[in-house]
Amino acid sequence: VREIFPKMKWKVPVSVHHKLLPGLKKQENVESGGEFSKMSKSDPNSGIFI
């Protein structure tokens, strides 16, 4: 994709993966560990699409 899209004059897509980037959904009953809820690719309401 990164090699083909510029030849087609399309913008190259970007993916941001980081363990500290929380999802957009409200946290549900966080356990004592206090971890953030993660973004889920299978749930379109929990991700950031640009």
N, C-alpha and C. Protein backbone atom coordinates (compact mmCIF):
# COMPACT_ATOMS: atom_id res chain seq x y z
N VAL A 1 0.83 -1.19 0.00
CA VAL A 1 0.00 0.00 0.00
C VAL A 1 0.88 1.25 0.00
N ARG A 2 1.92 1.27 0.83
CA ARG A 2 2.75 2.46 0.92
C ARG A 2 3.49 2.74 -0.39
N GLU A 3 3.73 1.72 -1.20
CA GLU A 3 4.42 1.92 -2.49
C GLU A 3 3.44 2.19 -3.62
N ILE A 4 2.26 1.57 -3.58
CA ILE A 4 1.30 1.65 -4.68
C ILE A 4 0.46 2.92 -4.64
N PHE A 5 -0.01 3.33 -3.46
CA PHE A 5 -0.91 4.49 -3.36
C PHE A 5 -0.32 5.77 -3.95
N PRO A 6 0.95 6.11 -3.68
CA PRO A 6 1.49 7.33 -4.29
C PRO A 6 1.50 7.28 -5.82
N LYS A 7 1.71 6.11 -6.39
CA LYS A 7 1.67 5.97 -7.85
C LYS A 7 0.27 6.22 -8.39
N MET A 8 -0.75 5.94 -7.58
CA MET A 8 -2.14 6.16 -7.98
C MET A 8 -2.62 7.56 -7.58
N LYS A 9 -1.68 8.36 -7.02
CA LYS A 9 -1.95 9.71 -6.53
C LYS A 9 -2.98 9.71 -5.40
N TRP A 10 -2.93 8.67 -4.58
CA TRP A 10 -3.76 8.57 -3.38
C TRP A 10 -2.88 8.82 -2.17
N LYS A 11 -3.48 9.28 -1.08
CA LYS A 11 -2.73 9.48 0.16
C LYS A 11 -2.50 8.14 0.84
N VAL A 12 -1.34 8.00 1.45
CA VAL A 12 -0.99 6.76 2.14
C VAL A 12 -1.69 6.72 3.49
N PRO A 13 -2.37 5.61 3.82
CA PRO A 13 -3.05 5.51 5.12
C PRO A 13 -2.03 5.40 6.26
N VAL A 14 -2.46 5.85 7.43
CA VAL A 14 -1.61 5.82 8.62
C VAL A 14 -2.34 5.10 9.74
N SER A 15 -1.64 4.24 10.44
CA SER A 15 -2.19 3.56 11.61
C SER A 15 -1.40 3.98 12.83
N VAL A 16 -2.10 4.32 13.91
CA VAL A 16 -1.44 4.71 15.15
C VAL A 16 -1.71 3.62 16.18
N HIS A 17 -0.64 2.99 16.66
CA HIS A 17 -0.75 1.94 17.66
C HIS A 17 0.10 2.34 18.85
N HIS A 18 -0.53 2.45 19.99
CA HIS A 18 0.21 2.83 21.19
C HIS A 18 -0.55 2.31 22.41
N LYS A 19 0.15 1.77 23.35
CA LYS A 19 -0.51 1.18 24.50
C LYS A 19 -1.13 2.22 25.43
N LEU A 20 -0.75 3.50 25.29
CA LEU A 20 -1.30 4.52 26.17
C LEU A 20 -2.42 5.33 25.52
N LEU A 21 -2.84 4.97 24.32
CA LEU A 21 -3.91 5.67 23.63
C LEU A 21 -5.23 5.00 24.00
N PRO A 22 -6.04 5.63 24.85
CA PRO A 22 -7.28 4.99 25.31
C PRO A 22 -8.37 5.02 24.24
N GLY A 23 -9.34 4.16 24.40
CA GLY A 23 -10.49 4.15 23.50
C GLY A 23 -11.42 5.32 23.79
N LEU A 24 -12.43 5.48 22.96
CA LEU A 24 -13.36 6.58 23.10
C LEU A 24 -14.55 6.26 23.98
N LYS A 25 -14.73 4.98 24.30
CA LYS A 25 -15.87 4.58 25.10
C LYS A 25 -15.60 4.81 26.58
N LYS A 26 -16.66 5.04 27.33
CA LYS A 26 -16.54 5.21 28.78
C LYS A 26 -16.13 3.88 29.40
N GLN A 27 -15.26 3.96 30.38
CA GLN A 27 -14.81 2.74 31.05
C GLN A 27 -15.94 2.12 31.84
N GLU A 28 -16.00 0.80 31.81
CA GLU A 28 -17.02 0.07 32.55
C GLU A 28 -16.35 -0.69 33.68
N ASN A 29 -16.76 -0.43 34.91
CA ASN A 29 -16.30 -1.17 36.09
C ASN A 29 -14.82 -1.56 36.01
N VAL A 30 -13.96 -0.59 36.14
CA VAL A 30 -12.52 -0.84 36.10
C VAL A 30 -12.12 -1.66 37.32
N GLU A 31 -11.35 -2.71 37.07
CA GLU A 31 -10.87 -3.56 38.17
C GLU A 31 -9.85 -2.79 39.00
N SER A 32 -9.37 -3.37 40.05
CA SER A 32 -8.43 -2.70 40.95
C SER A 32 -7.11 -2.36 40.25
N GLY A 33 -6.84 -2.97 39.08
CA GLY A 33 -5.61 -2.67 38.35
C GLY A 33 -5.60 -1.28 37.74
N GLY A 34 -6.78 -0.69 37.53
CA GLY A 34 -6.87 0.66 37.01
C GLY A 34 -6.43 0.82 35.57
N GLU A 35 -6.59 -0.21 34.74
CA GLU A 35 -6.15 -0.12 33.35
C GLU A 35 -7.20 0.60 32.50
N PHE A 36 -6.71 1.27 31.43
CA PHE A 36 -7.60 1.95 30.50
C PHE A 36 -8.32 0.93 29.62
N SER A 37 -9.50 1.30 29.13
CA SER A 37 -10.16 0.46 28.15
C SER A 37 -9.45 0.66 26.81
N LYS A 38 -9.31 -0.40 26.05
CA LYS A 38 -8.58 -0.33 24.79
C LYS A 38 -9.53 -0.06 23.63
N MET A 39 -8.99 0.49 22.55
CA MET A 39 -9.76 0.62 21.33
C MET A 39 -9.91 -0.78 20.74
N SER A 40 -11.05 -1.03 20.10
CA SER A 40 -11.30 -2.32 19.50
C SER A 40 -11.63 -2.15 18.04
N LYS A 41 -10.91 -2.86 17.20
CA LYS A 41 -11.15 -2.79 15.77
C LYS A 41 -12.52 -3.36 15.41
N SER A 42 -13.02 -4.28 16.21
CA SER A 42 -14.32 -4.89 15.93
C SER A 42 -15.49 -4.01 16.37
N ASP A 43 -15.23 -2.98 17.17
CA ASP A 43 -16.28 -2.06 17.63
C ASP A 43 -16.01 -0.68 17.03
N PRO A 44 -16.75 -0.28 15.99
CA PRO A 44 -16.48 0.99 15.32
C PRO A 44 -16.70 2.21 16.20
N ASN A 45 -17.38 2.08 17.33
CA ASN A 45 -17.61 3.22 18.22
C ASN A 45 -16.47 3.44 19.20
N SER A 46 -15.43 2.59 19.18
CA SER A 46 -14.35 2.74 20.15
C SER A 46 -13.05 3.18 19.50
N GLY A 47 -13.04 3.46 18.22
CA GLY A 47 -11.81 3.84 17.54
C GLY A 47 -11.83 5.28 17.07
N ILE A 48 -10.67 5.72 16.59
CA ILE A 48 -10.52 7.06 16.03
C ILE A 48 -10.24 6.89 14.54
N PHE A 49 -11.11 7.42 13.71
CA PHE A 49 -10.94 7.30 12.26
C PHE A 49 -10.70 8.69 11.68
N ILE A 50 -9.62 8.82 10.90
CA ILE A 50 -9.27 10.12 10.32
C ILE A 50 -9.45 10.05 8.81
